[in-house]
Amino acid sequence: MSVEILEEDSKYMHDIIEKIIDECGPRMPCSPQEAKSAEIIKSELEKTCEQVEIEPFTCHPRAALGWIKIAVILMALSFTCFFLTRETLSLTWKVILPILTFILVFIGILIMWKEFFNYEEFIDVLFRKKESQNVIGTLRGKGDIKKLIIFSGHHDSALQFNLLKYFKVGYIIIVFLGIIIFIAWSLYSAIFLIATIIFMILGSTEMPAIFFIIAIWFLIIGGIPMILLLFFVSPGELANKVPGAVDNLSAVAIVLAIGKMLKRNKELIPDNTEIRLISFGCEEAFLRGAFRYVEKHHEELKKLDTEVVNMDAIASKDDINVLKEEPTTRTIHSEVVVQKLMEASKLIGVKVSTAGMGGAETFLEKIYGQMSGGTDATAFSKAGIKASTIMSMRVSDMVNFYHQSTDTPDKIEDGALENVLKLCLGYLAIESKK
């Protein structure tokens, strides 16, 4: 590919990251800082795009992590009901309490499954509704538009993950152990309920002591992780501490640079093709901005045979991965988009690998992949729109800055933004050859 990325292009990407951080600071979902960053992005896109707009939307941003505290409280109530069965003398309560023990933990499991593993808005109405925004810039190739290609990132930054900041690798152990305890206790409470009914039928009102000894071990093993999970994020503005240079102004900078490159080299836009450069809001609130965009434009996206190249966490110049799946939400991304990106990598001479979210080479990567959440590409893939995400962040490095106050511009390696920018332009070159 003959298009050259100039030194001024590299400087622009790094400078815009610095500018947004300096002028806006941390930008948790639906915050005034997030809205201010959207206005900066809009003004930058207006320099390069034919049409730019901000699409506002509403959501309940705190539900994305607020469900954790609710689930832990339900777990604690479940344990309380369990141990009360041994103290009560009432036959009625000896039946009711085991039922409550199971129901309470089951509701907690259901909330976790719906909110985290499916990104559904299951208990969102329990949290305050707020406004966020997506920013969309449009460029068009020659001829009637028959194809749509989206390049995207997100401008909000995460709430600080306190357990990751203070426990580093221990964060994965705490979260994984917490999930295991949740699941194991739900199974155990079901067994206890069934056993209670059986013993009642046989005429016994006292359960064997072994049931309570096992429950005590549940508390010993799971008590500390459960308590720590209550402090997963801080309340209110105290959580708004993450500059979000890698996650995800790195991608926003590339999206904006694509606009500059296409304005300077209009021949890169394939004929009959529309390019949309999008920065989503509320990605850190379980992709609410991307989901709202897909919901609003779904018919148009399907009609135009849309392909989405999303970008998230661009930090390493050598460890570029194209996601073929995201294990947490069980999302399979488009083979078409993945293969085009791999072809583009050969065209530009940059090494790129395909992998699931988090990678799959080490045990740590596999565990992280199961609990790492999702990217904005998930909203499209779940809706049958062809999409994938480019990531370049080593799991071994992420413990030092991911979703922490240390996610600063110095974490982005020289050449990382440039290589992914080349990959995106190579994608357009592959499309032009069709």
Protein backbone atom coordinates (compact mmCIF):
# COMPACT_ATOMS: atom_id res chain seq x y z
CA MET A 1 0.00 0.00 0.00
CA SER A 2 1.48 3.31 -1.10
CA VAL A 3 -0.23 5.70 1.35
CA GLU A 4 2.30 7.05 3.81
CA ILE A 5 1.57 7.86 7.43
CA LEU A 6 3.45 11.07 8.08
CA GLU A 7 5.14 12.16 11.27
CA GLU A 8 2.45 14.80 11.62
CA ASP A 9 -0.20 12.05 11.56
CA SER A 10 1.52 10.25 14.42
CA LYS A 11 1.88 13.48 16.36
CA TYR A 12 -1.79 14.28 15.81
CA MET A 13 -2.92 10.95 17.33
CA HIS A 14 -0.78 11.32 20.42
CA ASP A 15 -1.65 15.00 20.79
CA ILE A 16 -5.41 14.45 20.62
CA ILE A 17 -5.15 11.87 23.40
CA GLU A 18 -3.26 14.38 25.53
CA LYS A 19 -5.72 17.14 24.65
CA ILE A 20 -8.81 15.19 25.69
CA ILE A 21 -7.21 14.05 28.94
CA ASP A 22 -5.95 17.55 29.76
CA GLU A 23 -9.24 19.28 28.97
CA CYS A 24 -11.70 16.63 30.16
CA GLY A 25 -9.89 14.37 32.60
CA PRO A 26 -11.46 11.03 33.53
CA ARG A 27 -14.72 10.45 31.65
CA MET A 28 -16.88 7.84 33.33
CA PRO A 29 -20.13 6.99 31.50
CA CYS A 30 -22.74 9.78 31.40
CA SER A 31 -20.45 12.25 33.14
CA PRO A 32 -20.06 15.91 32.08
CA GLN A 33 -16.46 15.02 31.19
CA GLU A 34 -17.64 12.32 28.79
CA ALA A 35 -19.97 14.84 27.12
CA LYS A 36 -17.16 17.39 26.83
CA SER A 37 -14.89 14.82 25.16
CA ALA A 38 -17.68 14.07 22.67
CA GLU A 39 -17.78 17.74 21.70
CA ILE A 40 -14.01 17.76 21.12
CA ILE A 41 -14.29 14.66 18.93
CA LYS A 42 -17.16 16.24 17.01
CA SER A 43 -15.10 19.36 16.31
CA GLU A 44 -12.22 17.22 15.05
CA LEU A 45 -14.47 15.18 12.77
CA GLU A 46 -15.96 18.36 11.33
CA LYS A 47 -12.52 19.15 9.91
CA THR A 48 -12.50 15.98 7.81
CA CYS A 49 -16.01 14.61 7.32
CA GLU A 50 -18.88 15.61 5.06
CA GLN A 51 -21.43 15.24 7.85
CA VAL A 52 -21.03 15.04 11.63
CA GLU A 53 -23.65 14.60 14.29
CA ILE A 54 -24.05 13.73 17.95
CA GLU A 55 -26.76 11.21 18.74
CA PRO A 56 -27.87 11.46 22.39
CA PHE A 57 -29.29 8.49 24.25
CA THR A 58 -30.20 7.56 27.80
CA CYS A 59 -29.24 4.60 29.95
CA HIS A 60 -28.62 3.62 33.57
CA PRO A 61 -24.80 3.61 33.68
CA ARG A 62 -24.29 2.49 37.27
CA ALA A 63 -26.21 -0.74 36.69
CA ALA A 64 -23.22 -2.07 34.74
CA LEU A 65 -21.24 -2.62 37.94
CA GLY A 66 -23.85 -1.82 40.55
CA TRP A 67 -25.32 -5.30 40.14
CA ILE A 68 -22.27 -6.70 41.98
CA LYS A 69 -23.20 -5.11 45.30
CA ILE A 70 -26.84 -6.22 44.95
CA ALA A 71 -25.77 -9.80 44.18
CA VAL A 72 -23.38 -9.89 47.18
CA ILE A 73 -26.09 -8.58 49.52
CA LEU A 74 -28.47 -11.26 48.25
CA MET A 75 -25.76 -13.85 48.89
CA ALA A 76 -25.30 -12.59 52.45
CA LEU A 77 -29.08 -12.78 53.06
CA SER A 78 -29.07 -16.31 51.67
CA PHE A 79 -26.37 -17.35 54.17
CA THR A 80 -28.33 -15.68 56.97
CA CYS A 81 -31.49 -17.61 56.12
CA PHE A 82 -29.51 -20.83 55.96
CA PHE A 83 -28.06 -20.52 59.47
CA LEU A 84 -31.39 -19.35 60.91
CA THR A 85 -32.88 -22.72 59.97
CA ARG A 86 -30.82 -24.24 62.77
CA GLU A 87 -31.99 -21.68 65.32
CA THR A 88 -35.73 -21.62 64.70
CA LEU A 89 -38.08 -24.01 66.48
CA SER A 90 -40.97 -23.32 64.12
CA LEU A 91 -41.70 -26.12 61.66
CA THR A 92 -43.08 -23.58 59.20
CA TRP A 93 -39.88 -21.53 59.23
CA LYS A 94 -37.77 -24.67 58.95
CA VAL A 95 -39.33 -25.03 55.48
CA ILE A 96 -39.61 -21.35 54.55
CA LEU A 97 -35.99 -20.48 55.40
CA PRO A 98 -34.41 -23.13 53.09
CA ILE A 99 -36.71 -21.91 50.31
CA LEU A 100 -35.56 -18.32 50.92
CA THR A 101 -31.93 -19.51 51.06
CA PHE A 102 -32.22 -20.88 47.54
CA ILE A 103 -34.40 -18.11 46.08
CA LEU A 104 -32.12 -15.30 47.28
CA VAL A 105 -28.93 -16.77 45.82
CA PHE A 106 -30.78 -17.80 42.66
CA ILE A 107 -31.89 -14.19 42.11
CA GLY A 108 -28.25 -13.10 42.59
CA ILE A 109 -27.09 -15.65 40.01
CA LEU A 110 -29.83 -14.55 37.61
CA ILE A 111 -28.79 -10.90 37.95
CA MET A 112 -25.14 -11.81 37.28
CA TRP A 113 -26.10 -13.92 34.25
CA LYS A 114 -28.36 -11.28 32.73
CA GLU A 115 -26.28 -8.18 33.46
CA PHE A 116 -22.70 -9.43 33.06
CA PHE A 117 -22.78 -12.52 30.89
CA ASN A 118 -25.51 -11.24 28.55
CA TYR A 119 -25.26 -7.44 28.90
CA GLU A 120 -29.04 -7.26 29.26
CA GLU A 121 -30.66 -4.33 31.05
CA PHE A 122 -32.21 -6.62 33.65
CA ILE A 123 -32.13 -4.49 36.81
CA ASP A 124 -31.07 -1.20 35.21
CA VAL A 125 -34.30 0.56 36.23
CA LEU A 126 -33.13 0.33 39.85
CA PHE A 127 -30.42 2.85 39.00
CA ARG A 128 -30.61 6.49 37.96
CA LYS A 129 -31.18 7.22 34.27
CA LYS A 130 -28.66 9.59 32.63
CA GLU A 131 -27.77 10.91 29.19
CA SER A 132 -24.80 10.04 27.01
CA GLN A 133 -23.94 10.42 23.34
CA ASN A 134 -22.45 8.82 20.24
CA VAL A 135 -20.47 10.91 17.76
CA ILE A 136 -20.72 10.02 14.07
CA GLY A 137 -18.76 11.40 11.14
CA THR A 138 -19.53 10.40 7.54
CA LEU A 139 -17.53 10.30 4.30
CA ARG A 140 -18.79 8.94 0.97
CA GLY A 141 -17.12 7.40 -2.05
CA LYS A 142 -18.13 7.85 -5.67
CA GLY A 143 -21.44 6.52 -6.95
CA ASP A 144 -24.56 5.23 -5.29
CA ILE A 145 -23.96 3.97 -1.75
CA LYS A 146 -24.31 0.20 -1.53
CA LYS A 147 -21.81 -0.58 1.24
CA LEU A 148 -21.13 0.81 4.71
CA ILE A 149 -17.87 0.44 6.61
CA ILE A 150 -17.67 1.65 10.21
CA PHE A 151 -14.46 2.36 12.12
CA SER A 152 -15.15 2.87 15.80
CA GLY A 153 -13.88 3.35 19.33
CA HIS A 154 -15.32 4.82 22.53
CA HIS A 155 -14.60 8.05 24.36
CA ASP A 156 -15.79 7.22 27.88
CA SER A 157 -13.35 5.83 30.42
CA ALA A 158 -13.94 3.16 33.03
CA LEU A 159 -14.82 3.51 36.66
CA GLN A 160 -11.68 2.60 38.59
CA PHE A 161 -11.53 -1.09 39.48
CA ASN A 162 -10.33 -0.83 43.08
CA LEU A 163 -9.53 -4.53 43.42
CA LEU A 164 -7.37 -4.45 40.31
CA LYS A 165 -5.57 -1.31 41.47
CA TYR A 166 -4.70 -2.68 44.91
CA PHE A 167 -4.47 -6.45 44.35
CA LYS A 168 -3.14 -6.63 40.75
CA VAL A 169 -3.10 -10.31 39.69
CA GLY A 170 -5.01 -11.10 42.88
CA TYR A 171 -7.97 -9.31 41.28
CA ILE A 172 -8.51 -12.24 38.93
CA ILE A 173 -8.39 -14.68 41.85
CA ILE A 174 -10.90 -12.63 43.88
CA VAL A 175 -13.37 -12.25 41.01
CA PHE A 176 -13.04 -15.85 39.81
CA LEU A 177 -13.41 -17.20 43.37
CA GLY A 178 -16.41 -14.95 43.93
CA ILE A 179 -18.17 -16.30 40.83
CA ILE A 180 -17.34 -19.90 41.77
CA ILE A 181 -18.68 -19.40 45.31
CA PHE A 182 -21.88 -17.90 43.89
CA ILE A 183 -22.47 -20.86 41.61
CA ALA A 184 -21.44 -23.49 44.19
CA TRP A 185 -23.59 -21.97 46.93
CA SER A 186 -26.63 -21.88 44.64
CA LEU A 187 -26.18 -25.60 43.96
CA TYR A 188 -25.61 -26.34 47.63
CA SER A 189 -28.68 -24.34 48.69
CA ALA A 190 -30.76 -26.35 46.18
CA ILE A 191 -29.40 -29.60 47.66
CA PHE A 192 -30.16 -28.35 51.17
CA LEU A 193 -33.74 -27.44 50.19
CA ILE A 194 -34.34 -30.88 48.67
CA ALA A 195 -32.75 -32.58 51.70
CA THR A 196 -34.94 -30.54 54.05
CA ILE A 197 -38.09 -31.67 52.26
CA ILE A 198 -36.96 -35.30 52.30
CA PHE A 199 -36.11 -35.21 56.03
CA MET A 200 -39.47 -33.57 56.77
CA ILE A 201 -41.28 -36.35 54.91
CA LEU A 202 -39.31 -38.90 56.94
CA GLY A 203 -40.42 -37.17 60.13
CA SER A 204 -37.18 -35.40 61.12
CA THR A 205 -37.06 -31.68 61.82
CA GLU A 206 -33.34 -31.44 62.50
CA MET A 207 -30.82 -31.44 59.67
CA PRO A 208 -27.49 -33.27 60.14
CA ALA A 209 -24.67 -31.06 61.42
CA ILE A 210 -22.57 -31.81 58.33
CA PHE A 211 -24.76 -29.44 56.29
CA PHE A 212 -23.84 -26.53 58.56
CA ILE A 213 -20.15 -27.49 58.76
CA ILE A 214 -19.95 -27.37 54.96
CA ALA A 215 -21.70 -24.00 54.97
CA ILE A 216 -19.13 -22.65 57.42
CA TRP A 217 -16.39 -23.67 54.98
CA PHE A 218 -18.24 -21.76 52.27
CA LEU A 219 -18.02 -18.70 54.51
CA ILE A 220 -14.35 -19.28 55.29
CA ILE A 221 -13.40 -19.64 51.62
CA GLY A 222 -15.80 -17.14 50.11
CA GLY A 223 -16.33 -14.61 52.87
CA ILE A 224 -13.32 -12.40 52.16
CA PRO A 225 -13.83 -12.32 48.35
CA MET A 226 -17.50 -11.44 48.87
CA ILE A 227 -16.66 -8.59 51.25
CA LEU A 228 -14.00 -7.28 48.85
CA LEU A 229 -16.46 -7.36 45.95
CA LEU A 230 -18.58 -4.80 47.82
CA PHE A 231 -15.73 -2.35 47.16
CA PHE A 232 -15.26 -3.27 43.48
CA VAL A 233 -15.83 0.38 42.53
CA SER A 234 -16.22 3.49 44.65
CA PRO A 235 -19.50 5.41 44.87
CA GLY A 236 -20.26 8.52 42.81
CA GLU A 237 -17.46 10.75 41.58
CA LEU A 238 -14.91 8.85 43.67
CA ALA A 239 -14.88 6.22 40.91
CA ASN A 240 -14.09 8.74 38.17
CA LYS A 241 -10.29 8.45 38.29
CA VAL A 242 -9.32 6.74 35.02
CA PRO A 243 -7.74 8.93 32.28
CA GLY A 244 -8.45 6.19 29.73
CA ALA A 245 -5.52 6.81 27.38
CA VAL A 246 -5.22 3.18 26.30
CA ASP A 247 -8.86 2.32 27.02
CA ASN A 248 -9.95 3.90 24.83
CA LEU A 249 -8.66 7.23 23.57
CA SER A 250 -6.08 5.21 21.66
CA ALA A 251 -8.88 3.97 19.40
CA VAL A 252 -10.55 7.38 19.21
CA ALA A 253 -7.26 8.89 18.03
CA ILE A 254 -7.03 6.29 15.24
CA VAL A 255 -10.64 6.90 14.20
CA LEU A 256 -9.93 10.64 13.94
CA ALA A 257 -6.69 9.98 12.06
CA ILE A 258 -8.58 7.83 9.54
CA GLY A 259 -10.68 10.91 8.80
CA LYS A 260 -7.56 13.00 8.19
CA MET A 261 -6.06 10.32 5.94
CA LEU A 262 -9.23 9.92 3.89
CA LYS A 263 -9.63 13.65 3.42
CA ARG A 264 -6.06 13.81 2.14
CA ASN A 265 -6.36 10.62 0.06
CA LYS A 266 -9.96 10.40 -1.13
CA GLU A 267 -9.06 7.61 -3.52
CA LEU A 268 -8.81 5.34 -0.46
CA ILE A 269 -12.59 5.41 -0.10
CA PRO A 270 -13.96 2.52 -2.20
CA ASP A 271 -16.57 3.42 -4.80
CA ASN A 272 -20.21 3.03 -3.78
CA THR A 273 -19.10 2.95 -0.14
CA GLU A 274 -19.90 5.11 2.86
CA ILE A 275 -17.40 5.37 5.70
CA ARG A 276 -18.64 6.18 9.19
CA LEU A 277 -16.22 7.17 11.90
CA ILE A 278 -17.92 6.63 15.25
CA SER A 279 -16.96 7.26 18.84
CA PHE A 280 -19.40 5.58 21.20
CA GLY A 281 -20.38 6.71 24.66
CA CYS A 282 -21.00 4.39 27.60
CA GLU A 283 -18.94 1.45 26.37
CA GLU A 284 -17.86 1.01 29.97
CA ALA A 285 -21.54 0.81 30.93
CA PHE A 286 -21.80 -2.54 29.14
CA LEU A 287 -21.79 -1.15 25.61
CA ARG A 288 -24.97 0.89 26.00
CA GLY A 289 -23.92 3.44 23.36
CA ALA A 290 -23.21 0.79 20.73
CA PHE A 291 -26.40 -1.09 21.56
CA ARG A 292 -28.43 2.11 21.24
CA TYR A 293 -26.80 2.89 17.89
CA VAL A 294 -27.50 -0.58 16.50
CA GLU A 295 -31.08 -0.46 17.74
CA LYS A 296 -31.68 2.92 16.07
CA HIS A 297 -29.98 2.09 12.74
CA HIS A 298 -30.48 -1.67 12.48
CA GLU A 299 -32.58 -1.69 9.31
CA GLU A 300 -30.15 0.66 7.55
CA LEU A 301 -27.10 -1.31 8.72
CA LYS A 302 -28.54 -4.55 7.33
CA LYS A 303 -29.60 -2.94 4.05
CA LEU A 304 -26.14 -1.49 3.39
CA ASP A 305 -24.27 -4.76 4.07
CA THR A 306 -22.37 -3.11 6.91
CA GLU A 307 -18.94 -4.14 8.16
CA VAL A 308 -17.61 -2.83 11.46
CA VAL A 309 -13.95 -2.53 12.43
CA ASN A 310 -13.99 -1.62 16.10
CA MET A 311 -10.86 -0.80 18.08
CA ASP A 312 -10.24 -1.11 21.79
CA ALA A 313 -7.16 -0.76 24.00
CA ILE A 314 -4.35 -0.09 21.52
CA ALA A 315 -1.14 -0.14 23.53
CA SER A 316 1.34 -2.61 22.01
CA LYS A 317 2.85 -2.22 18.54
CA ASP A 318 3.70 -5.92 18.23
CA ASP A 319 0.81 -7.71 19.93
CA ILE A 320 -2.09 -6.83 17.63
CA ASN A 321 -5.04 -9.20 17.83
CA VAL A 322 -8.20 -9.38 15.77
CA LEU A 323 -10.96 -10.79 17.94
CA LYS A 324 -12.85 -13.71 16.51
CA GLU A 325 -14.88 -14.20 19.69
CA GLU A 326 -15.62 -12.70 23.09
CA PRO A 327 -16.07 -15.50 25.66
CA THR A 328 -17.83 -13.54 28.41
CA THR A 329 -20.91 -12.81 26.29
CA ARG A 330 -20.39 -15.86 24.04
CA THR A 331 -20.17 -13.58 20.99
CA ILE A 332 -18.78 -14.90 17.71
CA HIS A 333 -17.54 -12.19 15.38
CA SER A 334 -17.69 -12.08 11.60
CA GLU A 335 -15.28 -14.35 9.77
CA VAL A 336 -15.55 -11.95 6.80
CA VAL A 337 -14.24 -8.99 8.80
CA VAL A 338 -11.58 -11.08 10.55
CA GLN A 339 -10.24 -12.46 7.28
CA LYS A 340 -10.19 -9.03 5.60
CA LEU A 341 -8.16 -7.67 8.50
CA MET A 342 -5.74 -10.58 8.21
CA GLU A 343 -5.39 -9.90 4.46
CA ALA A 344 -4.82 -6.24 5.25
CA SER A 345 -2.05 -7.14 7.70
CA LYS A 346 -0.19 -8.98 4.91
CA LEU A 347 -0.71 -6.05 2.56
CA ILE A 348 0.81 -3.52 4.99
CA GLY A 349 3.47 -5.84 6.42
CA VAL A 350 2.33 -5.71 10.05
CA LYS A 351 2.08 -8.92 12.07
CA VAL A 352 -1.46 -9.57 13.32
CA SER A 353 -2.93 -12.58 15.11
CA THR A 354 -6.48 -13.81 15.58
CA ALA A 355 -7.64 -14.74 19.04
CA GLY A 356 -10.55 -14.68 21.43
CA MET A 357 -10.87 -11.86 23.93
CA GLY A 358 -7.96 -12.05 26.36
CA GLY A 359 -6.01 -14.53 24.25
CA ALA A 360 -5.67 -18.25 24.75
CA GLU A 361 -1.96 -18.96 25.13
CA THR A 362 -1.68 -18.99 28.94
CA PHE A 363 -3.98 -20.01 31.77
CA LEU A 364 -4.11 -16.37 32.91
CA GLU A 365 -5.27 -15.25 29.46
CA LYS A 366 -7.99 -17.92 29.32
CA ILE A 367 -9.34 -16.95 32.74
CA TYR A 368 -9.18 -13.26 31.87
CA GLY A 369 -11.06 -13.92 28.63
CA GLN A 370 -13.96 -15.47 30.53
CA MET A 371 -14.30 -12.43 32.81
CA SER A 372 -13.11 -9.59 30.60
CA GLY A 373 -16.51 -8.37 29.42
CA GLY A 374 -17.03 -7.23 25.85
CA THR A 375 -16.26 -4.62 23.22
CA ASP A 376 -18.58 -2.46 21.12
CA ALA A 377 -18.33 -4.97 18.28
CA THR A 378 -20.50 -7.28 20.38
CA ALA A 379 -23.52 -5.00 19.94
CA PHE A 380 -23.21 -5.39 16.16
CA SER A 381 -22.38 -9.09 16.04
CA LYS A 382 -25.28 -9.93 18.36
CA ALA A 383 -27.58 -8.11 15.91
CA GLY A 384 -26.28 -10.01 12.87
CA ILE A 385 -24.07 -7.15 11.62
CA LYS A 386 -20.59 -8.17 10.46
CA ALA A 387 -18.06 -6.90 13.00
CA SER A 388 -14.84 -7.53 14.87
CA THR A 389 -12.50 -5.67 17.22
CA ILE A 390 -8.80 -4.93 16.97
CA MET A 391 -6.96 -5.01 20.30
CA SER A 392 -3.29 -4.70 21.17
CA MET A 393 -2.84 -4.89 24.90
CA ARG A 394 -0.80 -7.59 26.62
CA VAL A 395 -2.67 -9.23 29.51
CA SER A 396 0.58 -9.34 31.47
CA ASP A 397 0.82 -5.54 31.26
CA MET A 398 -2.83 -4.68 31.84
CA VAL A 399 -2.70 -5.29 35.60
CA ASN A 400 -0.53 -2.19 35.89
CA PHE A 401 -2.95 0.27 34.28
CA TYR A 402 -6.19 -1.26 32.97
CA HIS A 403 -9.22 0.53 34.50
CA GLN A 404 -6.92 2.36 36.89
CA SER A 405 -5.68 5.92 37.39
CA THR A 406 -2.42 4.85 35.73
CA ASP A 407 -4.02 4.44 32.28
CA THR A 408 -1.98 7.36 30.95
CA PRO A 409 -0.52 8.18 27.49
CA ASP A 410 2.91 6.78 28.36
CA LYS A 411 1.40 3.27 28.35
CA ILE A 412 0.97 3.48 24.55
CA GLU A 413 4.07 2.16 22.79
CA ASP A 414 5.57 4.12 19.90
CA GLY A 415 4.25 2.63 16.69
CA ALA A 416 1.13 1.04 18.22
CA LEU A 417 -1.33 3.64 16.93
CA GLU A 418 0.45 3.84 13.61
CA ASN A 419 0.32 0.08 12.99
CA VAL A 420 -3.41 -0.14 13.70
CA LEU A 421 -4.05 2.95 11.55
CA LYS A 422 -2.21 1.19 8.70
CA LEU A 423 -4.31 -1.91 9.30
CA CYS A 424 -7.53 0.10 8.95
CA LEU A 425 -6.33 1.74 5.76
CA GLY A 426 -5.26 -1.67 4.48
CA TYR A 427 -8.80 -2.88 5.13
CA LEU A 428 -10.10 -0.19 2.78
CA ALA A 429 -7.49 -1.18 0.18
CA ILE A 430 -8.69 -4.80 0.35
CA GLU A 431 -12.27 -3.60 -0.07
CA SER A 432 -11.29 -1.51 -3.11
CA LYS A 433 -9.85 -4.58 -4.83
CA LYS A 434 -13.19 -6.41 -4.79
